[in-house]
Amino acid sequence: MTTVNRVIDVVRAAPRRTTRRAAVIALAGLLVYAVLRHLSHVSMVDAMVYQAEGAAVAHGRDLYELRVGAYALPATYPPFSAMLFAPAALLSFGALRIVVTLINLVELAVVAALACRLVGWPSRPLRPAAVILMTGLGVFLEPVWTTLRYGQINLLILGLVLWDLGLPESSRLKGVGIGLAAGLKVTPGFFVLYLLLTRRFRAAATAAASCAATVLIGLLVLPGASWDFWTKDLYDTTRVGKEYIVDNQSLRGMTDRLLHSTHTGLSTMALVGFVAVAGLALAVLIDRLGHRALMPRARAWAGLTVAVTMLLISPISWTHHWVWCLPVLVLFGAEARDERRRGRAGWAGHRWRVVLGATALCFCSFAMWFVPHRAWSGVVKLSYWFEPFASLYPLFGLAFLTLVAVRVLRRLRAAPEGTTGATAGRGASAAGDRPRATARR
């Protein structure tokens, strides 16, 4: 009996030891980050814009006429976002830098926890260690680093959508997170199409109503600014920035650089249209394959497929918008864990680990910042040798969708007849889409 008790004590202590080790590694990572951040003279220019937006709301100034900093940056978010920035006007910019950084680090931890919940990996005893580790080391992912560097709100947007995706289908709140995210930054509204196509009509209606509520609040508080934004400024991409610079990691930016032009309208529209249809179709197919025996982690695969498609087809997806790389890494980590457990020899036993390592390298490389990316006389002058590095994230996005397509086709071929209907995925659990009996082990 004493031996059994010792074994039980060792098993219980293992997660605690792992958590302590993760905390030490995370603390070391954050200390290194703090030193590098200090040496790189982080500007947090977007936080400066948010503060100016909040001040414009508080003092009744024209929101979309303001220009901030040496680059004369304008307000680009809906009026509802500017209203949320109003408290920032009460702080000095030095204090705001500290507050925004701490909030983003907390949001990074929340995003890590939500990603683990959506994917269903690692197991609950090890999850605190995983979240701590991802918080301490996630700051070195380029999209996260740049989010912190600029003082952006990308982690908040990501957290809202991840929270929503992880809710059970029966939840009345499902759709609220996506709607609020769309109300803050518009582009997450792409997820509403996914909800509609997968016949989650109540969630889609909830998302639409939540977004409409933010628009209505903005209209009531800032009627003039709301009219300007929703009828004019929203469609003017020049307000956001130049589409052809390497900061823009969308298909539009990639094709502009590839064709050495700032007017790639038809070719870009054709590519964007194809990718949008293909990405949504793949997400719908994954949903239909969501039966536990047919597509493990279907909810995570479908949600991230929609997210990557959204980033690809948006006219502008700055590098810091790709914070979705964090849940993608968690998903690949779960697949690599399963692959290791199967113990296959050769390439079949290492594929997911290679994919995981390549993805981590991609988003930690900062490759696009080491290539010349200026333009002269309206023509993008970039050597073709630099193109893969200048468009690393859209190339990754296309590779991700290709991987998803191959995975879906294999599942479809292996699926027994009559098991891939529209209702096949409704019973899949948010925690990795595993059968309940397996989850208890």
Protein backbone atom coordinates (compact mmCIF):
# COMPACT_ATOMS: atom_id res chain seq x y z
CA MET A 1 0.00 0.00 0.00
CA THR A 2 2.90 2.34 0.82
CA THR A 3 4.39 1.74 -2.64
CA VAL A 4 1.08 2.59 -4.30
CA ASN A 5 0.84 5.82 -2.30
CA ARG A 6 4.35 6.80 -3.38
CA VAL A 7 3.50 6.20 -7.02
CA ILE A 8 0.37 8.35 -6.66
CA ASP A 9 2.42 11.14 -5.01
CA VAL A 10 4.98 11.03 -7.85
CA VAL A 11 2.22 11.23 -10.49
CA ARG A 12 0.58 14.17 -8.75
CA ALA A 13 3.89 15.99 -8.29
CA ALA A 14 4.94 15.60 -11.95
CA PRO A 15 2.65 18.36 -13.31
CA ARG A 16 3.78 20.68 -10.50
CA ARG A 17 7.45 20.10 -11.33
CA THR A 18 6.72 20.65 -15.00
CA THR A 19 4.89 23.89 -14.20
CA ARG A 20 7.79 25.16 -12.10
CA ARG A 21 10.27 24.39 -14.88
CA ALA A 22 8.02 26.09 -17.41
CA ALA A 23 7.80 29.15 -15.15
CA VAL A 24 11.59 29.40 -14.94
CA ILE A 25 11.96 29.12 -18.74
CA ALA A 26 9.14 31.62 -19.32
CA LEU A 27 10.64 34.11 -16.86
CA ALA A 28 14.02 33.81 -18.59
CA GLY A 29 12.31 34.33 -21.96
CA LEU A 30 10.51 37.45 -20.75
CA LEU A 31 13.74 38.87 -19.29
CA VAL A 32 15.52 38.36 -22.62
CA TYR A 33 12.54 39.94 -24.36
CA ALA A 34 12.66 42.95 -22.03
CA VAL A 35 16.36 43.51 -22.80
CA LEU A 36 15.87 43.17 -26.56
CA ARG A 37 12.83 45.42 -26.42
CA HIS A 38 14.83 48.10 -24.63
CA LEU A 39 17.71 47.86 -27.10
CA SER A 40 15.39 48.05 -30.12
CA HIS A 41 13.75 51.30 -28.91
CA VAL A 42 10.14 50.13 -29.27
CA SER A 43 7.94 52.99 -30.46
CA MET A 44 4.42 51.63 -29.75
CA VAL A 45 3.19 54.00 -32.43
CA ASP A 46 -0.22 52.31 -32.75
CA ALA A 47 -0.83 52.79 -29.04
CA MET A 48 -0.12 56.46 -29.68
CA VAL A 49 -2.80 56.47 -32.40
CA TYR A 50 -5.27 54.74 -30.06
CA GLN A 51 -4.61 57.37 -27.40
CA ALA A 52 -5.21 60.13 -29.95
CA GLU A 53 -8.46 58.44 -31.01
CA GLY A 54 -9.59 58.24 -27.40
CA ALA A 55 -8.75 61.92 -26.89
CA ALA A 56 -10.70 62.84 -30.05
CA VAL A 57 -13.74 61.01 -28.71
CA ALA A 58 -13.40 62.56 -25.26
CA HIS A 59 -13.02 66.10 -26.57
CA GLY A 60 -15.39 65.96 -29.53
CA ARG A 61 -12.78 66.34 -32.26
CA ASP A 62 -13.08 64.91 -35.78
CA LEU A 63 -11.98 61.30 -35.40
CA TYR A 64 -11.04 60.49 -38.98
CA GLU A 65 -9.27 63.78 -39.71
CA LEU A 66 -6.64 63.34 -37.01
CA ARG A 67 -3.05 62.48 -37.98
CA VAL A 68 -0.54 61.14 -35.46
CA GLY A 69 3.25 61.07 -35.34
CA ALA A 70 5.95 61.56 -37.94
CA TYR A 71 4.12 59.34 -40.44
CA ALA A 72 0.80 61.19 -40.01
CA LEU A 73 -1.07 57.99 -39.16
CA PRO A 74 -4.88 58.21 -39.31
CA ALA A 75 -7.60 56.42 -37.35
CA THR A 76 -8.60 53.24 -39.21
CA TYR A 77 -10.90 51.36 -36.83
CA PRO A 78 -14.67 51.74 -36.38
CA PRO A 79 -15.93 54.44 -34.00
CA PHE A 80 -16.79 51.80 -31.39
CA SER A 81 -13.09 50.95 -31.07
CA ALA A 82 -12.19 54.60 -30.61
CA MET A 83 -14.74 54.84 -27.81
CA LEU A 84 -13.01 51.98 -25.98
CA PHE A 85 -9.70 53.86 -26.31
CA ALA A 86 -11.08 56.90 -24.48
CA PRO A 87 -9.57 55.94 -21.06
CA ALA A 88 -6.11 55.97 -22.68
CA ALA A 89 -6.43 59.75 -23.02
CA LEU A 90 -6.20 60.01 -19.22
CA LEU A 91 -2.68 58.51 -19.12
CA SER A 92 0.69 59.90 -20.04
CA PHE A 93 2.21 58.09 -23.00
CA GLY A 94 4.91 56.58 -20.77
CA ALA A 95 2.27 55.09 -18.49
CA LEU A 96 0.24 53.95 -21.48
CA ARG A 97 3.23 52.03 -22.87
CA ILE A 98 3.51 50.05 -19.64
CA VAL A 99 -0.24 49.42 -19.34
CA VAL A 100 -0.64 48.32 -22.96
CA THR A 101 2.37 45.98 -22.73
CA LEU A 102 1.09 44.34 -19.55
CA ILE A 103 -2.41 43.96 -21.01
CA ASN A 104 -0.97 42.36 -24.15
CA LEU A 105 1.09 39.90 -22.09
CA VAL A 106 -2.02 38.91 -20.13
CA GLU A 107 -3.92 38.55 -23.41
CA LEU A 108 -1.10 36.36 -24.75
CA ALA A 109 -1.58 34.02 -21.79
CA VAL A 110 -5.35 34.00 -22.31
CA VAL A 111 -4.91 33.27 -26.02
CA ALA A 112 -2.57 30.40 -25.20
CA ALA A 113 -5.15 28.92 -22.79
CA LEU A 114 -7.97 29.32 -25.31
CA ALA A 115 -5.88 27.73 -28.07
CA CYS A 116 -5.14 24.74 -25.83
CA ARG A 117 -8.84 24.42 -25.03
CA LEU A 118 -9.85 24.59 -28.68
CA VAL A 119 -7.28 22.00 -29.74
CA GLY A 120 -7.71 19.83 -26.66
CA TRP A 121 -3.96 19.59 -26.03
CA PRO A 122 -2.06 19.20 -23.80
CA SER A 123 -3.92 17.33 -21.04
CA ARG A 124 -5.44 19.39 -18.24
CA PRO A 125 -2.68 18.63 -15.65
CA LEU A 126 -0.02 19.87 -18.09
CA ARG A 127 -2.00 22.77 -19.50
CA PRO A 128 -0.85 25.41 -16.95
CA ALA A 129 2.77 24.63 -17.84
CA ALA A 130 1.99 24.90 -21.55
CA VAL A 131 0.26 28.26 -21.12
CA ILE A 132 3.13 29.64 -19.04
CA LEU A 133 5.69 28.40 -21.56
CA MET A 134 3.79 29.85 -24.54
CA THR A 135 3.49 33.19 -22.75
CA GLY A 136 7.21 33.39 -22.04
CA LEU A 137 8.41 32.18 -25.43
CA GLY A 138 5.51 33.37 -27.61
CA VAL A 139 6.86 36.92 -27.48
CA PHE A 140 9.58 35.81 -29.93
CA LEU A 141 7.07 34.96 -32.64
CA GLU A 142 7.34 37.85 -35.08
CA PRO A 143 3.58 38.64 -35.18
CA VAL A 144 3.45 38.71 -31.37
CA TRP A 145 6.69 40.68 -31.11
CA THR A 146 5.37 43.26 -33.60
CA THR A 147 2.00 43.43 -31.82
CA LEU A 148 3.85 44.31 -28.61
CA ARG A 149 6.20 46.63 -30.48
CA TYR A 150 3.36 48.70 -31.92
CA GLY A 151 0.98 48.33 -28.98
CA GLN A 152 -1.63 46.66 -31.19
CA ILE A 153 -4.96 44.99 -30.26
CA ASN A 154 -4.51 41.83 -32.32
CA LEU A 155 -4.34 39.53 -29.30
CA LEU A 156 -7.67 40.88 -28.06
CA ILE A 157 -9.28 40.16 -31.45
CA LEU A 158 -7.72 36.69 -31.54
CA GLY A 159 -8.88 35.94 -27.99
CA LEU A 160 -12.48 36.92 -28.73
CA VAL A 161 -12.67 34.65 -31.79
CA LEU A 162 -10.90 31.72 -30.09
CA TRP A 163 -13.24 31.98 -27.12
CA ASP A 164 -16.21 31.91 -29.46
CA LEU A 165 -14.92 28.96 -31.49
CA GLY A 166 -14.40 26.97 -28.31
CA LEU A 167 -17.95 27.44 -27.00
CA PRO A 168 -20.30 24.45 -27.25
CA GLU A 169 -22.92 24.59 -29.97
CA SER A 170 -25.67 24.83 -27.36
CA SER A 171 -24.28 28.00 -25.80
CA ARG A 172 -26.43 31.09 -26.26
CA LEU A 173 -23.26 33.19 -26.25
CA LYS A 174 -21.87 31.51 -29.33
CA GLY A 175 -21.37 34.24 -31.93
CA VAL A 176 -20.93 37.08 -29.43
CA GLY A 177 -17.11 36.94 -29.52
CA ILE A 178 -17.00 36.94 -33.31
CA GLY A 179 -19.52 39.80 -33.47
CA LEU A 180 -17.57 41.93 -30.99
CA ALA A 181 -14.30 41.22 -32.82
CA ALA A 182 -15.93 42.30 -36.09
CA GLY A 183 -17.24 45.43 -34.41
CA LEU A 184 -13.72 46.29 -33.30
CA LYS A 185 -11.82 45.48 -36.50
CA VAL A 186 -14.30 44.44 -39.25
CA THR A 187 -12.30 41.57 -40.82
CA PRO A 188 -13.35 38.89 -38.26
CA GLY A 189 -16.82 39.25 -39.77
CA PHE A 190 -15.54 36.70 -42.32
CA PHE A 191 -16.28 34.06 -39.67
CA VAL A 192 -20.00 34.83 -39.98
CA LEU A 193 -19.91 33.35 -43.50
CA TYR A 194 -18.43 30.17 -42.03
CA LEU A 195 -21.20 30.01 -39.44
CA LEU A 196 -23.83 30.42 -42.14
CA LEU A 197 -22.30 27.84 -44.46
CA THR A 198 -22.13 25.29 -41.65
CA ARG A 199 -25.78 25.98 -40.74
CA ARG A 200 -25.03 27.51 -37.36
CA PHE A 201 -27.76 30.03 -37.99
CA ARG A 202 -28.34 31.02 -34.38
CA ALA A 203 -24.64 31.68 -33.84
CA ALA A 204 -24.46 33.65 -37.10
CA ALA A 205 -27.47 35.74 -36.08
CA THR A 206 -25.92 36.35 -32.64
CA ALA A 207 -22.64 37.43 -34.25
CA ALA A 208 -24.47 39.76 -36.65
CA ALA A 209 -26.53 41.23 -33.79
CA SER A 210 -23.44 41.74 -31.61
CA CYS A 211 -21.62 43.52 -34.43
CA ALA A 212 -24.73 45.59 -35.22
CA ALA A 213 -24.91 46.62 -31.56
CA THR A 214 -21.37 48.03 -31.73
CA VAL A 215 -22.28 49.92 -34.92
CA LEU A 216 -25.42 51.29 -33.28
CA ILE A 217 -23.54 52.42 -30.17
CA GLY A 218 -21.01 54.17 -32.37
CA LEU A 219 -23.78 55.78 -34.38
CA LEU A 220 -25.52 57.08 -31.25
CA VAL A 221 -22.36 58.46 -29.64
CA LEU A 222 -20.45 59.53 -32.76
CA PRO A 223 -22.98 59.92 -35.58
CA GLY A 224 -20.77 61.98 -37.88
CA ALA A 225 -17.72 59.76 -37.49
CA SER A 226 -19.86 56.64 -37.93
CA TRP A 227 -21.32 57.96 -41.17
CA ASP A 228 -17.85 58.83 -42.50
CA PHE A 229 -16.37 55.45 -41.57
CA TRP A 230 -19.12 53.12 -42.80
CA THR A 231 -19.83 55.01 -46.02
CA LYS A 232 -16.37 56.17 -47.05
CA ASP A 233 -13.26 55.56 -44.93
CA LEU A 234 -13.75 51.80 -44.56
CA TYR A 235 -13.25 51.29 -48.31
CA ASP A 236 -10.21 53.54 -48.65
CA THR A 237 -7.25 51.17 -48.18
CA THR A 238 -4.78 54.01 -48.72
CA ARG A 239 -5.69 55.24 -45.25
CA VAL A 240 -4.37 52.00 -43.76
CA GLY A 241 -1.06 51.97 -45.63
CA LYS A 242 0.73 51.06 -48.85
CA GLU A 243 -0.35 47.61 -49.96
CA TYR A 244 2.88 46.63 -51.71
CA ILE A 245 5.37 47.00 -48.83
CA VAL A 246 6.61 43.87 -47.06
CA ASP A 247 4.70 44.81 -43.92
CA ASN A 248 1.60 43.65 -45.84
CA GLN A 249 1.53 39.84 -45.81
CA SER A 250 -1.70 39.32 -47.74
CA LEU A 251 -2.18 37.96 -51.24
CA ARG A 252 -2.57 41.53 -52.47
CA GLY A 253 0.82 42.49 -51.09
CA MET A 254 2.43 39.35 -52.46
CA THR A 255 1.09 39.82 -56.01
CA ASP A 256 2.00 43.53 -56.04
CA ARG A 257 5.59 42.68 -55.13
CA LEU A 258 5.74 39.69 -57.46
CA LEU A 259 4.47 41.64 -60.48
CA HIS A 260 6.38 44.81 -59.55
CA SER A 261 3.20 46.83 -59.70
CA THR A 262 0.80 48.70 -57.46
CA HIS A 263 -2.16 48.03 -59.78
CA THR A 264 -2.59 44.25 -59.90
CA GLY A 265 -6.36 44.50 -59.67
CA LEU A 266 -7.67 41.71 -61.93
CA SER A 267 -4.97 39.16 -61.18
CA THR A 268 -5.27 39.78 -57.46
CA MET A 269 -9.06 39.64 -57.51
CA ALA A 270 -9.00 36.29 -59.33
CA LEU A 271 -6.53 34.81 -56.86
CA VAL A 272 -8.36 36.23 -53.84
CA GLY A 273 -11.71 34.94 -55.10
CA PHE A 274 -10.34 31.45 -55.67
CA VAL A 275 -8.67 31.30 -52.25
CA ALA A 276 -11.77 32.64 -50.47
CA VAL A 277 -14.03 29.99 -52.04
CA ALA A 278 -11.49 27.21 -51.55
CA GLY A 279 -10.83 28.14 -47.90
CA LEU A 280 -14.50 28.29 -46.97
CA ALA A 281 -15.23 25.05 -48.86
CA LEU A 282 -12.45 23.29 -46.96
CA ALA A 283 -13.77 24.58 -43.63
CA VAL A 284 -17.27 23.31 -44.47
CA LEU A 285 -15.92 19.91 -45.48
CA ILE A 286 -13.95 19.69 -42.23
CA ASP A 287 -17.13 20.50 -40.34
CA ARG A 288 -18.90 17.65 -42.13
CA LEU A 289 -16.01 15.33 -41.31
CA GLY A 290 -16.16 16.41 -37.70
CA HIS A 291 -17.41 13.09 -36.49
CA ARG A 292 -14.91 11.89 -33.93
CA ALA A 293 -13.85 8.86 -35.93
CA LEU A 294 -13.36 10.82 -39.15
CA MET A 295 -11.63 14.11 -38.30
CA PRO A 296 -9.98 14.62 -34.90
CA ARG A 297 -9.84 18.26 -33.79
CA ALA A 298 -12.24 19.22 -36.57
CA ARG A 299 -13.35 22.39 -34.80
CA ALA A 300 -9.78 23.65 -34.51
CA TRP A 301 -8.87 22.71 -38.08
CA ALA A 302 -11.99 24.38 -39.49
CA GLY A 303 -11.62 27.56 -37.42
CA LEU A 304 -7.95 28.00 -38.30
CA THR A 305 -8.67 27.32 -41.96
CA VAL A 306 -11.16 30.20 -41.92
CA ALA A 307 -8.65 32.41 -40.08
CA VAL A 308 -5.81 31.77 -42.52
CA THR A 309 -8.17 32.35 -45.46
CA MET A 310 -9.28 35.63 -43.89
CA LEU A 311 -5.66 36.80 -43.55
CA LEU A 312 -4.85 35.84 -47.12
CA ILE A 313 -7.79 37.56 -48.81
CA SER A 314 -7.79 40.78 -46.77
CA PRO A 315 -6.39 43.68 -48.84
CA ILE A 316 -3.96 44.40 -46.03
CA SER A 317 -2.76 41.89 -43.45
CA TRP A 318 0.14 43.42 -41.58
CA THR A 319 2.66 40.98 -40.13
CA HIS A 320 1.21 41.50 -36.66
CA HIS A 321 -2.21 40.34 -37.86
CA TRP A 322 -0.71 36.83 -38.18
CA VAL A 323 -0.87 36.22 -34.42
CA TRP A 324 -3.05 33.30 -35.49
CA CYS A 325 0.27 31.45 -35.81
CA LEU A 326 0.06 30.69 -32.07
CA PRO A 327 -3.05 28.44 -32.21
CA VAL A 328 -1.71 26.95 -35.47
CA LEU A 329 1.45 25.92 -33.61
CA VAL A 330 -0.63 24.40 -30.82
CA LEU A 331 -2.63 22.42 -33.38
CA PHE A 332 0.52 21.15 -35.10
CA GLY A 333 1.96 20.29 -31.68
CA ALA A 334 -1.07 18.13 -30.90
CA GLU A 335 -0.75 16.34 -34.24
CA ALA A 336 2.97 15.78 -33.61
CA ARG A 337 2.18 14.32 -30.17
CA ASP A 338 -0.28 11.84 -31.72
CA GLU A 339 2.26 10.97 -34.40
CA ARG A 340 4.90 10.22 -31.78
CA ARG A 341 2.51 8.01 -29.85
CA ARG A 342 1.82 5.95 -32.96
CA GLY A 343 5.56 5.26 -33.17
CA ARG A 344 5.81 4.84 -36.92
CA ALA A 345 9.24 4.53 -38.51
CA GLY A 346 10.70 6.79 -41.19
CA TRP A 347 9.06 9.88 -42.68
CA ALA A 348 5.57 8.75 -41.61
CA GLY A 349 6.64 9.04 -37.99
CA HIS A 350 8.15 12.52 -38.27
CA ARG A 351 5.97 14.48 -40.68
CA TRP A 352 4.11 16.59 -38.14
CA ARG A 353 7.26 17.33 -36.18
CA VAL A 354 8.85 18.65 -39.38
CA VAL A 355 5.73 20.74 -40.08
CA LEU A 356 5.76 22.08 -36.50
CA GLY A 357 9.45 22.98 -36.67
CA ALA A 358 9.14 24.63 -40.09
CA THR A 359 6.15 26.69 -38.90
CA ALA A 360 7.98 27.83 -35.77
CA LEU A 361 10.99 28.79 -37.89
CA CYS A 362 8.76 30.67 -40.34
CA PHE A 363 7.19 32.86 -37.67
CA CYS A 364 10.39 33.39 -35.66
CA SER A 365 12.57 34.26 -38.65
CA PHE A 366 11.59 37.95 -39.12
CA ALA A 367 12.63 37.23 -42.73
CA MET A 368 10.56 39.99 -44.36
CA TRP A 369 12.39 42.65 -42.36
CA PHE A 370 15.77 41.67 -43.83
CA VAL A 371 14.90 42.32 -47.47
CA PRO A 372 14.82 45.72 -49.23
CA HIS A 373 11.20 46.76 -49.47
CA ARG A 374 11.04 50.36 -50.55
CA ALA A 375 9.40 51.61 -53.74
CA TRP A 376 10.33 54.41 -56.10
CA SER A 377 8.06 56.26 -58.53
CA GLY A 378 5.15 53.98 -57.73
CA VAL A 379 6.99 50.82 -58.92
CA VAL A 380 7.95 48.04 -56.55
CA LYS A 381 11.62 47.28 -57.13
CA LEU A 382 12.41 43.98 -55.45
CA SER A 383 14.64 41.24 -56.81
CA TYR A 384 12.90 37.94 -57.44
CA TRP A 385 15.47 36.28 -55.21
CA PHE A 386 13.91 38.10 -52.28
CA GLU A 387 10.29 37.36 -53.14
CA PRO A 388 9.87 34.19 -51.00
CA PHE A 389 11.26 36.00 -47.96
CA ALA A 390 9.25 39.16 -48.62
CA SER A 391 6.00 37.15 -48.77
CA LEU A 392 6.73 34.43 -46.25
CA TYR A 393 3.34 34.50 -44.47
CA PRO A 394 1.07 34.36 -47.54
CA LEU A 395 3.22 31.49 -48.85
CA PHE A 396 2.76 29.76 -45.51
CA GLY A 397 -0.98 30.44 -45.71
CA LEU A 398 -1.23 28.86 -49.16
CA ALA A 399 0.84 25.89 -47.96
CA PHE A 400 -1.46 25.54 -44.93
CA LEU A 401 -4.58 25.45 -47.13
CA THR A 402 -2.88 22.90 -49.40
CA LEU A 403 -2.09 20.75 -46.37
CA VAL A 404 -5.70 21.03 -45.23
CA ALA A 405 -6.95 20.07 -48.71
CA VAL A 406 -4.76 16.95 -48.77
CA ARG A 407 -5.89 15.99 -45.28
CA VAL A 408 -9.56 16.49 -46.12
CA LEU A 409 -9.32 14.51 -49.38
CA ARG A 410 -7.69 11.60 -47.58
CA ARG A 411 -10.41 11.61 -44.92
CA LEU A 412 -13.12 11.74 -47.56
CA ARG A 413 -11.65 8.76 -49.40
CA ALA A 414 -11.32 6.77 -46.18
CA ALA A 415 -14.77 7.70 -44.83
CA PRO A 416 -17.49 5.02 -44.94
CA GLU A 417 -20.53 5.92 -47.03
CA GLY A 418 -23.20 7.96 -45.25
CA THR A 419 -20.90 9.33 -42.53
CA THR A 420 -19.99 12.70 -44.05
CA GLY A 421 -23.37 14.43 -43.94
CA ALA A 422 -23.89 17.93 -42.73
CA THR A 423 -24.70 16.75 -39.22
CA ALA A 424 -21.67 14.52 -38.81
CA GLY A 425 -19.65 17.09 -36.91
CA ARG A 426 -22.33 18.26 -34.51
CA GLY A 427 -21.32 15.85 -31.75
CA ALA A 428 -17.64 16.77 -31.82
CA SER A 429 -16.41 18.13 -28.53
CA ALA A 430 -14.47 21.34 -28.24
CA ALA A 431 -11.73 19.54 -26.33
CA GLY A 432 -10.05 17.90 -29.27
CA ASP A 433 -13.13 16.21 -30.76
CA ARG A 434 -12.35 12.93 -29.00
CA PRO A 435 -14.92 10.40 -27.76
CA ARG A 436 -15.91 10.89 -24.16
CA ALA A 437 -14.63 7.43 -23.20
CA THR A 438 -11.18 8.28 -24.54
CA ALA A 439 -11.13 11.70 -22.89
CA ARG A 440 -11.55 10.12 -19.44
CA ARG A 441 -8.41 8.03 -19.71
